[in-house]
Each structure stands twice: as structure tokens, then as C-alpha cells.
Amino acid sequence: MSPTRPDSSPEPGGEGHVTDDVVILDDRERGLLRARAGGPGGEVLGHIQYFVLDAPERALVAVHTIVEPRHEGRGIAGSLTRELYALAAREAVQVVPLCSFVVRWAARHPGEAPAVSDALRRAAEQALAADPGKW
């Protein structure tokens, strides 16, 4: 798992902020991008569940975002989403947002969240329908 520190600035629209004591970790094997308090062994504050699509091209497919209720409103979901897009950019792949939160975030941040083709979105939807265990 690779740790990153999220941007601590608030999300536009007053969605709160994430403090410097939150680390985001990618658990590729489980398809989870987790926000943890205080580092790798800290309390899980929230996560994005995703899977890797291999064809027609490699992509990270976001299927669900959860923030623990007592941590809502701190910008954790936005920081997780921003990190998912940054992770994809580092890997030179796209993010296919099937999760409603990630879809809305991407619409508000087009400079950070490139649009995907309809064909790639359909392929991701078909992969998810064929294997509901991905979600």
C-alpha cells in the first residue's frame, strides 16, 4: 500500500477539509483507496471501492464511496476522489466514474477529471454487471 497526503485545502462549495493527520492508502489487491487517521494503522475514515478494467483499455473504475458518518463534511470523499484521479494520472490510465459521488465530483473538477468515452464507460458497466463481486 502506498501512502499519500491529501490536499488539506477545503473543497469548493464549503465541503470541509482534511487535516494533515490523514493518509490515503491504495490497497490495489482489495480495490480500496482508504483514508486513515494518523497513518497506515489508524482508523479508517472512508474509502473508494474500485476495480481495474483491462480492456478495451486499462482504467480504474470507481464503484462506491463511503465516509464514516462521524467524519462526513470534512472533505474526505473529495480528497479520496482527487487521489484516485491523481493515482490514475501517475499510471497513465483513466478513471471511469460509476459511483454517483465520483460522477458529481468529476463534473465539478473537469481539469482534474478527464471525461471518458462512452465505449469505455459501457465496458466498465458490463464488467461490473458480469462480476457483481467487484462491488
N, C-alpha and C. Protein backbone atom coordinates (compact mmCIF):
# COMPACT_ATOMS: atom_id res chain seq x y z
N MET A 1 0.84 -1.17 0.00
CA MET A 1 0.00 0.00 0.00
C MET A 1 0.88 1.23 0.00
N SER A 2 0.56 2.16 -0.86
CA SER A 2 1.36 3.38 -0.92
C SER A 2 0.59 4.54 -0.29
N PRO A 3 1.21 5.23 0.68
CA PRO A 3 0.53 6.35 1.33
C PRO A 3 0.72 7.65 0.60
N THR A 4 -0.29 8.50 0.65
CA THR A 4 -0.19 9.87 0.16
C THR A 4 -0.90 10.76 1.14
N ARG A 5 -0.50 12.01 1.16
CA ARG A 5 -1.18 13.00 2.00
C ARG A 5 -2.11 13.79 1.10
N PRO A 6 -3.38 13.89 1.48
CA PRO A 6 -4.32 14.65 0.66
C PRO A 6 -4.07 16.15 0.76
N ASP A 7 -4.56 16.84 -0.23
CA ASP A 7 -4.55 18.30 -0.21
C ASP A 7 -5.40 18.73 0.98
N SER A 8 -4.87 19.61 1.81
CA SER A 8 -5.61 20.00 3.01
C SER A 8 -6.52 21.20 2.80
N SER A 9 -6.60 21.69 1.57
CA SER A 9 -7.47 22.84 1.33
C SER A 9 -8.92 22.37 1.22
N PRO A 10 -9.87 23.23 1.60
CA PRO A 10 -11.27 22.83 1.53
C PRO A 10 -11.72 22.65 0.09
N GLU A 11 -12.69 21.79 -0.07
CA GLU A 11 -13.33 21.62 -1.37
C GLU A 11 -14.11 22.87 -1.70
N PRO A 12 -14.18 23.26 -2.97
CA PRO A 12 -15.04 24.38 -3.34
C PRO A 12 -16.47 24.06 -2.92
N GLY A 13 -17.17 25.06 -2.45
CA GLY A 13 -18.54 24.85 -2.02
C GLY A 13 -18.65 24.54 -0.54
N GLY A 14 -17.57 24.72 0.20
CA GLY A 14 -17.62 24.56 1.65
C GLY A 14 -17.77 23.14 2.13
N GLU A 15 -17.18 22.17 1.44
CA GLU A 15 -17.33 20.78 1.83
C GLU A 15 -16.36 20.37 2.93
N GLY A 16 -15.71 21.30 3.59
CA GLY A 16 -14.83 20.95 4.69
C GLY A 16 -13.40 20.75 4.24
N HIS A 17 -12.61 20.14 5.12
CA HIS A 17 -11.21 19.93 4.80
C HIS A 17 -10.70 18.67 5.49
N VAL A 18 -9.58 18.20 5.00
CA VAL A 18 -8.91 17.05 5.58
C VAL A 18 -7.64 17.57 6.21
N THR A 19 -7.38 17.18 7.44
CA THR A 19 -6.19 17.66 8.14
C THR A 19 -4.97 16.86 7.73
N ASP A 20 -3.81 17.36 8.14
CA ASP A 20 -2.55 16.72 7.78
C ASP A 20 -2.37 15.35 8.42
N ASP A 21 -3.19 14.98 9.39
CA ASP A 21 -3.02 13.68 10.03
C ASP A 21 -3.80 12.58 9.32
N VAL A 22 -4.28 12.83 8.11
CA VAL A 22 -4.99 11.83 7.32
C VAL A 22 -4.07 11.37 6.19
N VAL A 23 -3.98 10.05 6.04
CA VAL A 23 -3.17 9.46 4.97
C VAL A 23 -4.10 8.64 4.09
N ILE A 24 -3.88 8.71 2.78
CA ILE A 24 -4.67 7.92 1.83
C ILE A 24 -3.79 6.79 1.33
N LEU A 25 -4.31 5.57 1.44
CA LEU A 25 -3.57 4.36 1.08
C LEU A 25 -4.31 3.60 0.00
N ASP A 26 -3.57 3.13 -1.00
CA ASP A 26 -4.14 2.34 -2.08
C ASP A 26 -3.91 0.86 -1.78
N ASP A 27 -4.97 0.11 -1.61
CA ASP A 27 -4.90 -1.33 -1.44
C ASP A 27 -5.42 -1.95 -2.73
N ARG A 28 -4.53 -2.05 -3.71
CA ARG A 28 -4.92 -2.49 -5.06
C ARG A 28 -5.50 -3.90 -5.03
N GLU A 29 -4.93 -4.76 -4.20
CA GLU A 29 -5.40 -6.15 -4.14
C GLU A 29 -6.88 -6.22 -3.77
N ARG A 30 -7.32 -5.37 -2.88
CA ARG A 30 -8.72 -5.35 -2.46
C ARG A 30 -9.56 -4.32 -3.22
N GLY A 31 -8.91 -3.50 -4.04
CA GLY A 31 -9.64 -2.48 -4.78
C GLY A 31 -10.20 -1.40 -3.87
N LEU A 32 -9.39 -0.99 -2.89
CA LEU A 32 -9.82 0.04 -1.95
C LEU A 32 -8.79 1.15 -1.85
N LEU A 33 -9.26 2.35 -1.96
CA LEU A 33 -8.45 3.54 -1.68
C LEU A 33 -9.00 4.06 -0.35
N ARG A 34 -8.18 3.96 0.72
CA ARG A 34 -8.67 4.26 2.07
C ARG A 34 -8.05 5.53 2.62
N ALA A 35 -8.86 6.30 3.33
CA ALA A 35 -8.36 7.44 4.12
C ALA A 35 -8.29 6.96 5.56
N ARG A 36 -7.10 7.11 6.15
CA ARG A 36 -6.88 6.67 7.53
C ARG A 36 -6.38 7.83 8.37
N ALA A 37 -6.81 7.86 9.60
CA ALA A 37 -6.34 8.88 10.54
C ALA A 37 -4.99 8.44 11.09
N GLY A 38 -4.01 9.33 11.02
CA GLY A 38 -2.74 9.10 11.68
C GLY A 38 -1.80 8.14 11.00
N GLY A 39 -2.12 7.60 9.85
CA GLY A 39 -1.19 6.72 9.16
C GLY A 39 -1.79 5.37 8.84
N PRO A 40 -0.94 4.45 8.34
CA PRO A 40 -1.42 3.16 7.85
C PRO A 40 -2.22 2.33 8.85
N GLY A 41 -1.92 2.41 10.14
CA GLY A 41 -2.64 1.61 11.12
C GLY A 41 -3.79 2.34 11.78
N GLY A 42 -4.05 3.57 11.37
CA GLY A 42 -5.08 4.39 12.01
C GLY A 42 -6.49 4.02 11.60
N GLU A 43 -7.42 4.67 12.25
CA GLU A 43 -8.84 4.45 11.99
C GLU A 43 -9.17 4.76 10.53
N VAL A 44 -9.97 3.89 9.90
CA VAL A 44 -10.43 4.13 8.54
C VAL A 44 -11.54 5.18 8.61
N LEU A 45 -11.33 6.28 7.88
CA LEU A 45 -12.30 7.38 7.86
C LEU A 45 -13.27 7.24 6.69
N GLY A 46 -12.80 6.63 5.62
CA GLY A 46 -13.62 6.45 4.44
C GLY A 46 -12.84 5.71 3.37
N HIS A 47 -13.52 5.36 2.29
CA HIS A 47 -12.84 4.67 1.19
C HIS A 47 -13.61 4.81 -0.12
N ILE A 48 -12.88 4.57 -1.19
CA ILE A 48 -13.48 4.39 -2.51
C ILE A 48 -13.21 2.95 -2.91
N GLN A 49 -14.26 2.24 -3.28
CA GLN A 49 -14.09 0.90 -3.81
C GLN A 49 -13.98 1.02 -5.32
N TYR A 50 -13.01 0.32 -5.90
CA TYR A 50 -12.78 0.39 -7.34
C TYR A 50 -12.27 -0.94 -7.85
N PHE A 51 -12.26 -1.10 -9.17
CA PHE A 51 -11.59 -2.25 -9.76
C PHE A 51 -10.81 -1.78 -10.97
N VAL A 52 -9.89 -2.63 -11.41
CA VAL A 52 -9.07 -2.32 -12.57
C VAL A 52 -9.70 -2.99 -13.78
N LEU A 53 -10.04 -2.19 -14.77
CA LEU A 53 -10.55 -2.69 -16.04
C LEU A 53 -9.36 -2.86 -16.96
N ASP A 54 -9.26 -4.02 -17.62
CA ASP A 54 -8.11 -4.25 -18.50
C ASP A 54 -8.41 -4.00 -19.97
N ALA A 55 -9.68 -4.15 -20.40
CA ALA A 55 -10.00 -3.97 -21.81
C ALA A 55 -11.34 -3.24 -21.92
N PRO A 56 -11.54 -2.40 -22.89
CA PRO A 56 -10.73 -2.19 -24.09
C PRO A 56 -9.41 -1.45 -23.82
N GLU A 57 -9.31 -0.80 -22.67
CA GLU A 57 -8.05 -0.20 -22.24
C GLU A 57 -8.04 -0.23 -20.72
N ARG A 58 -6.86 -0.16 -20.18
CA ARG A 58 -6.72 -0.20 -18.71
C ARG A 58 -7.31 1.08 -18.11
N ALA A 59 -8.09 0.90 -17.03
CA ALA A 59 -8.72 2.04 -16.34
C ALA A 59 -9.03 1.63 -14.91
N LEU A 60 -9.15 2.63 -14.04
CA LEU A 60 -9.61 2.42 -12.67
C LEU A 60 -11.09 2.79 -12.65
N VAL A 61 -11.93 1.87 -12.20
CA VAL A 61 -13.38 2.07 -12.22
C VAL A 61 -13.88 2.27 -10.79
N ALA A 62 -14.32 3.47 -10.49
CA ALA A 62 -14.83 3.80 -9.15
C ALA A 62 -16.28 3.35 -9.05
N VAL A 63 -16.57 2.48 -8.07
CA VAL A 63 -17.93 1.95 -7.95
C VAL A 63 -18.66 2.40 -6.69
N HIS A 64 -17.94 2.82 -5.66
CA HIS A 64 -18.64 3.18 -4.42
C HIS A 64 -17.72 4.04 -3.55
N THR A 65 -18.29 5.06 -2.94
CA THR A 65 -17.55 5.91 -2.00
C THR A 65 -18.30 5.93 -0.67
N ILE A 66 -17.57 5.70 0.40
CA ILE A 66 -18.16 5.70 1.74
C ILE A 66 -17.28 6.54 2.66
N VAL A 67 -17.89 7.39 3.45
CA VAL A 67 -17.21 8.09 4.53
C VAL A 67 -17.96 7.73 5.80
N GLU A 68 -17.22 7.35 6.83
CA GLU A 68 -17.86 7.01 8.10
C GLU A 68 -18.66 8.22 8.59
N PRO A 69 -19.89 8.01 9.05
CA PRO A 69 -20.79 9.11 9.39
C PRO A 69 -20.19 10.19 10.28
N ARG A 70 -19.41 9.83 11.27
CA ARG A 70 -18.88 10.87 12.16
C ARG A 70 -17.76 11.69 11.53
N HIS A 71 -17.33 11.30 10.32
CA HIS A 71 -16.28 12.05 9.63
C HIS A 71 -16.80 12.76 8.38
N GLU A 72 -18.11 12.72 8.16
CA GLU A 72 -18.69 13.39 7.00
C GLU A 72 -18.51 14.91 7.12
N GLY A 73 -18.45 15.57 5.98
CA GLY A 73 -18.36 17.03 5.95
C GLY A 73 -16.96 17.57 6.14
N ARG A 74 -15.96 16.70 6.13
CA ARG A 74 -14.57 17.13 6.30
C ARG A 74 -13.78 17.11 4.99
N GLY A 75 -14.44 16.79 3.89
CA GLY A 75 -13.76 16.75 2.60
C GLY A 75 -13.05 15.44 2.32
N ILE A 76 -13.34 14.42 3.09
CA ILE A 76 -12.65 13.14 2.93
C ILE A 76 -13.00 12.49 1.59
N ALA A 77 -14.27 12.46 1.23
CA ALA A 77 -14.67 11.85 -0.04
C ALA A 77 -14.04 12.59 -1.22
N GLY A 78 -14.00 13.92 -1.15
CA GLY A 78 -13.36 14.69 -2.21
C GLY A 78 -11.87 14.42 -2.29
N SER A 79 -11.21 14.30 -1.15
CA SER A 79 -9.78 14.00 -1.14
C SER A 79 -9.50 12.61 -1.68
N LEU A 80 -10.34 11.65 -1.33
CA LEU A 80 -10.19 10.31 -1.88
C LEU A 80 -10.35 10.32 -3.40
N THR A 81 -11.35 11.04 -3.87
CA THR A 81 -11.60 11.11 -5.31
C THR A 81 -10.45 11.80 -6.03
N ARG A 82 -9.98 12.90 -5.47
CA ARG A 82 -8.85 13.61 -6.06
C ARG A 82 -7.63 12.68 -6.15
N GLU A 83 -7.39 11.90 -5.10
CA GLU A 83 -6.25 10.98 -5.10
C GLU A 83 -6.45 9.85 -6.10
N LEU A 84 -7.69 9.37 -6.28
CA LEU A 84 -7.93 8.33 -7.28
C LEU A 84 -7.56 8.85 -8.67
N TYR A 85 -7.96 10.08 -8.98
CA TYR A 85 -7.61 10.66 -10.28
C TYR A 85 -6.10 10.89 -10.38
N ALA A 86 -5.46 11.30 -9.31
CA ALA A 86 -4.01 11.51 -9.32
C ALA A 86 -3.29 10.17 -9.50
N LEU A 87 -3.76 9.14 -8.84
CA LEU A 87 -3.19 7.80 -8.98
C LEU A 87 -3.31 7.33 -10.43
N ALA A 88 -4.47 7.51 -11.01
CA ALA A 88 -4.68 7.13 -12.41
C ALA A 88 -3.75 7.91 -13.33
N ALA A 89 -3.58 9.19 -13.07
CA ALA A 89 -2.68 10.01 -13.90
C ALA A 89 -1.24 9.50 -13.80
N ARG A 90 -0.81 9.14 -12.58
CA ARG A 90 0.55 8.61 -12.41
C ARG A 90 0.74 7.31 -13.17
N GLU A 91 -0.34 6.54 -13.31
CA GLU A 91 -0.27 5.26 -14.02
C GLU A 91 -0.63 5.40 -15.50
N ALA A 92 -0.94 6.62 -15.93
CA ALA A 92 -1.31 6.91 -17.31
C ALA A 92 -2.53 6.10 -17.75
N VAL A 93 -3.52 6.03 -16.85
CA VAL A 93 -4.80 5.38 -17.17
C VAL A 93 -5.92 6.34 -16.83
N GLN A 94 -7.13 6.00 -17.23
CA GLN A 94 -8.29 6.84 -16.95
C GLN A 94 -9.06 6.31 -15.75
N VAL A 95 -9.90 7.17 -15.19
CA VAL A 95 -10.87 6.77 -14.17
C VAL A 95 -12.23 6.75 -14.84
N VAL A 96 -12.95 5.65 -14.63
CA VAL A 96 -14.34 5.56 -15.09
C VAL A 96 -15.20 5.71 -13.84
N PRO A 97 -15.90 6.84 -13.71
CA PRO A 97 -16.71 7.06 -12.52
C PRO A 97 -18.10 6.44 -12.65
N LEU A 98 -18.32 5.33 -11.95
CA LEU A 98 -19.65 4.74 -11.89
C LEU A 98 -20.34 5.08 -10.57
N CYS A 99 -19.57 5.47 -9.58
CA CYS A 99 -20.09 5.90 -8.29
C CYS A 99 -20.69 7.30 -8.44
N SER A 100 -21.88 7.52 -7.90
CA SER A 100 -22.56 8.81 -8.08
C SER A 100 -21.76 9.97 -7.49
N PHE A 101 -21.07 9.77 -6.37
CA PHE A 101 -20.27 10.85 -5.80
C PHE A 101 -19.14 11.21 -6.75
N VAL A 102 -18.44 10.22 -7.27
CA VAL A 102 -17.31 10.48 -8.16
C VAL A 102 -17.80 11.12 -9.45
N VAL A 103 -18.97 10.73 -9.94
CA VAL A 103 -19.55 11.36 -11.14
C VAL A 103 -19.76 12.86 -10.88
N ARG A 104 -20.36 13.21 -9.74
CA ARG A 104 -20.60 14.63 -9.42
C ARG A 104 -19.29 15.38 -9.22
N TRP A 105 -18.33 14.77 -8.53
CA TRP A 105 -17.03 15.41 -8.30
C TRP A 105 -16.34 15.69 -9.63
N ALA A 106 -16.36 14.70 -10.52
CA ALA A 106 -15.72 14.86 -11.83
C ALA A 106 -16.36 16.00 -12.62
N ALA A 107 -17.66 16.14 -12.54
CA ALA A 107 -18.35 17.22 -13.25
C ALA A 107 -17.93 18.58 -12.72
N ARG A 108 -17.63 18.67 -11.42
CA ARG A 108 -17.21 19.94 -10.81
C ARG A 108 -15.72 20.21 -10.99
N HIS A 109 -14.94 19.21 -11.37
CA HIS A 109 -13.48 19.34 -11.47
C HIS A 109 -12.98 18.82 -12.82
N PRO A 110 -13.48 19.37 -13.93
CA PRO A 110 -13.10 18.83 -15.24
C PRO A 110 -11.60 18.92 -15.53
N GLY A 111 -10.90 19.84 -14.93
CA GLY A 111 -9.46 19.93 -15.14
C GLY A 111 -8.68 18.80 -14.49
N GLU A 112 -9.27 18.18 -13.48
CA GLU A 112 -8.62 17.07 -12.79
C GLU A 112 -9.21 15.72 -13.17
N ALA A 113 -10.38 15.74 -13.79
CA ALA A 113 -11.12 14.51 -14.06
C ALA A 113 -11.50 14.45 -15.54
N PRO A 114 -10.58 14.00 -16.37
CA PRO A 114 -10.88 13.94 -17.81
C PRO A 114 -12.09 13.03 -18.09
N ALA A 115 -12.90 13.45 -19.04
CA ALA A 115 -14.06 12.66 -19.44
C ALA A 115 -13.60 11.37 -20.11
N VAL A 116 -14.41 10.33 -19.98
CA VAL A 116 -14.10 9.05 -20.62
C VAL A 116 -15.07 8.82 -21.76
N SER A 117 -14.66 7.98 -22.69
CA SER A 117 -15.50 7.69 -23.84
C SER A 117 -16.70 6.84 -23.41
N ASP A 118 -17.76 6.92 -24.20
CA ASP A 118 -18.94 6.10 -23.94
C ASP A 118 -18.58 4.62 -24.01
N ALA A 119 -17.69 4.26 -24.94
CA ALA A 119 -17.29 2.85 -25.09
C ALA A 119 -16.59 2.35 -23.83
N LEU A 120 -15.73 3.16 -23.25
CA LEU A 120 -15.02 2.75 -22.03
C LEU A 120 -16.00 2.65 -20.86
N ARG A 121 -16.93 3.59 -20.77
CA ARG A 121 -17.94 3.54 -19.70
C ARG A 121 -18.79 2.28 -19.84
N ARG A 122 -19.23 1.97 -21.07
CA ARG A 122 -20.04 0.76 -21.29
C ARG A 122 -19.25 -0.50 -20.92
N ALA A 123 -17.98 -0.54 -21.29
CA ALA A 123 -17.14 -1.70 -20.95
C ALA A 123 -17.04 -1.88 -19.44
N ALA A 124 -16.90 -0.77 -18.71
CA ALA A 124 -16.82 -0.83 -17.25
C ALA A 124 -18.15 -1.31 -16.67
N GLU A 125 -19.26 -0.79 -17.19
CA GLU A 125 -20.58 -1.21 -16.70
C GLU A 125 -20.81 -2.69 -16.96
N GLN A 126 -20.38 -3.17 -18.15
CA GLN A 126 -20.54 -4.59 -18.48
C GLN A 126 -19.67 -5.46 -17.59
N ALA A 127 -18.44 -5.02 -17.31
CA ALA A 127 -17.55 -5.78 -16.43
C ALA A 127 -18.14 -5.88 -15.03
N LEU A 128 -18.74 -4.81 -14.55
CA LEU A 128 -19.35 -4.80 -13.23
C LEU A 128 -20.58 -5.70 -13.19
N ALA A 129 -21.40 -5.65 -14.24
CA ALA A 129 -22.60 -6.49 -14.31
C ALA A 129 -22.23 -7.97 -14.38
N ALA A 130 -21.14 -8.28 -15.08
CA ALA A 130 -20.70 -9.66 -15.23
C ALA A 130 -20.12 -10.23 -13.94
N ASP A 131 -19.60 -9.36 -13.08
CA ASP A 131 -18.99 -9.81 -11.83
C ASP A 131 -19.38 -8.86 -10.70
N PRO A 132 -20.59 -9.03 -10.15
CA PRO A 132 -21.05 -8.13 -9.08
C PRO A 132 -20.14 -8.14 -7.85
N GLY A 133 -19.26 -9.13 -7.73
CA GLY A 133 -18.32 -9.18 -6.62
C GLY A 133 -17.32 -8.05 -6.66
N LYS A 134 -17.21 -7.38 -7.81
CA LYS A 134 -16.31 -6.23 -7.92
C LYS A 134 -16.83 -5.07 -7.08
N TRP A 135 -18.05 -5.15 -6.65
CA TRP A 135 -18.71 -4.06 -5.94
C TRP A 135 -19.28 -4.56 -4.68
